[in-house]
């Protein structure tokens, strides 16, 4: 690895390591949002398999900006 590549690698690695605690702290909230979305889909008339498919495909970020 060239010196400049090594430096870029170290900077990127440090940035990722710095962000890990914040990402881990966000997971419980993401899980709650995802489960709430799933339950609301079922409540609105989707069967469990359909709701699971939708949540698995979109995550909790449903809407016009969702992929596909």
N, C-alpha and C. Protein backbone atom coordinates (compact mmCIF):
# COMPACT_ATOMS: atom_id res chain seq x y z
N UNK A 1 0.85 -1.17 0.00
CA UNK A 1 0.00 0.00 0.00
C UNK A 1 0.90 1.24 0.00
N UNK A 2 0.56 2.19 -0.86
CA UNK A 2 1.33 3.43 -0.95
C UNK A 2 1.08 4.29 0.29
N UNK A 3 2.02 5.16 0.63
CA UNK A 3 1.86 5.98 1.84
C UNK A 3 0.56 6.79 1.88
N UNK A 4 0.18 7.39 0.76
CA UNK A 4 -1.06 8.18 0.76
C UNK A 4 -2.29 7.26 0.92
N UNK A 5 -2.21 6.07 0.38
CA UNK A 5 -3.32 5.11 0.54
C UNK A 5 -3.42 4.66 2.00
N UNK A 6 -2.29 4.46 2.63
CA UNK A 6 -2.26 4.08 4.04
C UNK A 6 -2.87 5.19 4.89
N UNK A 7 -2.51 6.42 4.59
CA UNK A 7 -3.06 7.56 5.34
C UNK A 7 -4.57 7.65 5.16
N UNK A 8 -5.05 7.50 3.94
CA UNK A 8 -6.50 7.53 3.67
C UNK A 8 -7.20 6.39 4.40
N UNK A 9 -6.59 5.23 4.40
CA UNK A 9 -7.15 4.08 5.10
C UNK A 9 -7.28 4.36 6.59
N UNK A 10 -6.24 4.90 7.19
CA UNK A 10 -6.25 5.19 8.63
C UNK A 10 -7.31 6.22 8.98
N UNK A 11 -7.47 7.24 8.14
CA UNK A 11 -8.48 8.27 8.38
C UNK A 11 -9.88 7.65 8.29
N UNK A 12 -10.12 6.84 7.27
CA UNK A 12 -11.43 6.20 7.11
C UNK A 12 -11.72 5.24 8.26
N UNK A 13 -10.72 4.49 8.66
CA UNK A 13 -10.87 3.54 9.77
C UNK A 13 -11.23 4.28 11.06
N UNK A 14 -10.55 5.37 11.33
CA UNK A 14 -10.81 6.16 12.54
C UNK A 14 -12.22 6.73 12.52
N UNK A 15 -12.68 7.18 11.36
CA UNK A 15 -14.04 7.74 11.25
C UNK A 15 -15.09 6.66 11.51
N UNK A 16 -14.86 5.48 10.99
CA UNK A 16 -15.80 4.37 11.22
C UNK A 16 -15.81 3.98 12.69
N UNK A 17 -14.64 3.85 13.28
CA UNK A 17 -14.55 3.48 14.70
C UNK A 17 -15.21 4.52 15.59
N UNK A 18 -15.10 5.79 15.23
CA UNK A 18 -15.71 6.86 16.01
C UNK A 18 -17.24 6.78 15.94
N UNK A 19 -17.79 6.34 14.80
CA UNK A 19 -19.23 6.30 14.62
C UNK A 19 -19.91 5.06 15.16
N UNK A 20 -19.15 4.03 15.48
CA UNK A 20 -19.74 2.76 15.92
C UNK A 20 -20.62 2.90 17.16
N UNK A 21 -20.20 3.59 18.22
CA UNK A 21 -21.09 3.70 19.39
C UNK A 21 -22.44 4.35 19.07
N UNK A 22 -22.45 5.35 18.23
CA UNK A 22 -23.71 6.00 17.85
C UNK A 22 -24.60 5.05 17.07
N UNK A 23 -24.00 4.28 16.17
CA UNK A 23 -24.79 3.31 15.40
C UNK A 23 -25.39 2.26 16.32
N UNK A 24 -24.60 1.74 17.23
CA UNK A 24 -25.09 0.72 18.16
C UNK A 24 -26.19 1.28 19.06
N UNK A 25 -26.08 2.52 19.46
CA UNK A 25 -27.10 3.14 20.30
C UNK A 25 -28.41 3.33 19.55
N UNK A 26 -28.34 3.46 18.24
CA UNK A 26 -29.55 3.68 17.43
C UNK A 26 -30.34 2.41 17.16
N UNK A 27 -29.70 1.25 17.25
CA UNK A 27 -30.38 0.00 16.88
C UNK A 27 -31.65 -0.29 17.66
N UNK A 28 -31.72 -0.07 18.97
CA UNK A 28 -32.99 -0.33 19.66
C UNK A 28 -34.15 0.52 19.12
N UNK A 29 -33.88 1.78 18.81
CA UNK A 29 -34.93 2.64 18.26
C UNK A 29 -35.35 2.18 16.87
N UNK A 30 -34.39 1.77 16.08
CA UNK A 30 -34.71 1.26 14.74
C UNK A 30 -35.56 0.00 14.83
N UNK A 31 -35.22 -0.88 15.77
CA UNK A 31 -36.00 -2.11 15.95
C UNK A 31 -37.43 -1.78 16.36
N UNK A 32 -37.61 -0.82 17.26
CA UNK A 32 -38.95 -0.44 17.69
C UNK A 32 -39.75 0.17 16.54
N UNK A 33 -39.12 1.02 15.75
CA UNK A 33 -39.80 1.61 14.60
C UNK A 33 -40.22 0.54 13.59
N UNK A 34 -39.33 -0.40 13.35
CA UNK A 34 -39.62 -1.47 12.39
C UNK A 34 -40.78 -2.33 12.86
N UNK A 35 -40.77 -2.70 14.15
CA UNK A 35 -41.87 -3.51 14.69
C UNK A 35 -43.17 -2.74 14.67
N UNK A 36 -43.13 -1.47 15.00
CA UNK A 36 -44.35 -0.64 14.97
C UNK A 36 -44.92 -0.58 13.56
N UNK A 37 -44.06 -0.40 12.59
CA UNK A 37 -44.49 -0.35 11.19
C UNK A 37 -45.15 -1.67 10.80
N UNK A 38 -44.51 -2.78 11.15
CA UNK A 38 -45.06 -4.10 10.86
C UNK A 38 -46.46 -4.25 11.48
N UNK A 39 -46.59 -3.92 12.75
CA UNK A 39 -47.88 -4.05 13.45
C UNK A 39 -48.95 -3.16 12.83
N UNK A 40 -48.58 -1.97 12.42
CA UNK A 40 -49.55 -1.07 11.79
C UNK A 40 -50.00 -1.61 10.43
N UNK A 41 -49.09 -2.22 9.69
CA UNK A 41 -49.47 -2.82 8.41
C UNK A 41 -50.51 -3.92 8.64
N UNK A 42 -50.27 -4.77 9.62
CA UNK A 42 -51.21 -5.85 9.94
C UNK A 42 -52.54 -5.25 10.39
N UNK A 43 -52.48 -4.24 11.22
CA UNK A 43 -53.69 -3.57 11.73
C UNK A 43 -54.50 -2.96 10.59
N UNK A 44 -53.82 -2.50 9.55
CA UNK A 44 -54.50 -1.88 8.41
C UNK A 44 -54.99 -2.90 7.37
N UNK A 45 -54.79 -4.18 7.64
CA UNK A 45 -55.38 -5.18 6.76
C UNK A 45 -54.43 -6.07 6.00
N UNK A 46 -53.15 -5.80 6.04
CA UNK A 46 -52.21 -6.70 5.40
C UNK A 46 -52.08 -7.95 6.26
N UNK A 47 -51.96 -9.12 5.62
CA UNK A 47 -51.73 -10.30 6.44
C UNK A 47 -50.28 -10.29 6.92
N UNK A 48 -49.94 -11.18 7.83
CA UNK A 48 -48.61 -11.16 8.43
C UNK A 48 -47.50 -11.37 7.40
N UNK A 49 -47.75 -12.25 6.44
CA UNK A 49 -46.74 -12.51 5.41
C UNK A 49 -46.52 -11.28 4.55
N UNK A 50 -47.61 -10.62 4.16
CA UNK A 50 -47.48 -9.40 3.37
C UNK A 50 -46.75 -8.30 4.14
N UNK A 51 -47.13 -8.13 5.40
CA UNK A 51 -46.50 -7.10 6.23
C UNK A 51 -45.01 -7.38 6.39
N UNK A 52 -44.67 -8.63 6.62
CA UNK A 52 -43.26 -8.99 6.77
C UNK A 52 -42.49 -8.71 5.48
N UNK A 53 -43.09 -9.04 4.35
CA UNK A 53 -42.44 -8.78 3.07
C UNK A 53 -42.19 -7.29 2.89
N UNK A 54 -43.21 -6.47 3.18
CA UNK A 54 -43.09 -5.03 3.01
C UNK A 54 -41.98 -4.47 3.91
N UNK A 55 -41.99 -4.88 5.17
CA UNK A 55 -40.99 -4.38 6.11
C UNK A 55 -39.60 -4.86 5.71
N UNK A 56 -39.50 -6.11 5.28
CA UNK A 56 -38.19 -6.63 4.87
C UNK A 56 -37.68 -5.90 3.63
N UNK A 57 -38.58 -5.54 2.75
CA UNK A 57 -38.19 -4.86 1.50
C UNK A 57 -37.86 -3.39 1.74
N UNK A 58 -38.68 -2.71 2.58
CA UNK A 58 -38.54 -1.27 2.75
C UNK A 58 -37.86 -0.87 4.05
N UNK A 59 -37.84 -1.75 5.03
CA UNK A 59 -37.43 -1.31 6.35
C UNK A 59 -38.53 -0.43 6.92
N UNK A 60 -38.22 0.40 7.87
CA UNK A 60 -39.22 1.27 8.46
C UNK A 60 -39.34 2.58 7.68
N UNK A 61 -38.56 2.75 6.65
CA UNK A 61 -38.56 3.98 5.88
C UNK A 61 -39.45 3.88 4.65
N UNK A 62 -40.73 3.68 4.86
CA UNK A 62 -41.66 3.56 3.75
C UNK A 62 -41.94 4.92 3.16
N UNK A 63 -42.34 4.93 1.91
CA UNK A 63 -42.73 6.17 1.29
C UNK A 63 -42.17 6.31 -0.10
N UNK A 64 -42.37 7.47 -0.69
CA UNK A 64 -41.97 7.66 -2.08
C UNK A 64 -40.47 7.61 -2.32
N UNK A 65 -39.67 7.78 -1.28
CA UNK A 65 -38.22 7.72 -1.48
C UNK A 65 -37.67 6.32 -1.30
N UNK A 66 -38.53 5.35 -0.95
CA UNK A 66 -38.08 3.97 -0.79
C UNK A 66 -37.66 3.41 -2.13
N UNK A 67 -36.69 2.50 -2.11
CA UNK A 67 -36.25 1.88 -3.35
C UNK A 67 -37.29 0.87 -3.81
N UNK A 68 -37.49 0.82 -5.09
CA UNK A 68 -38.44 -0.07 -5.78
C UNK A 68 -39.83 0.21 -5.47
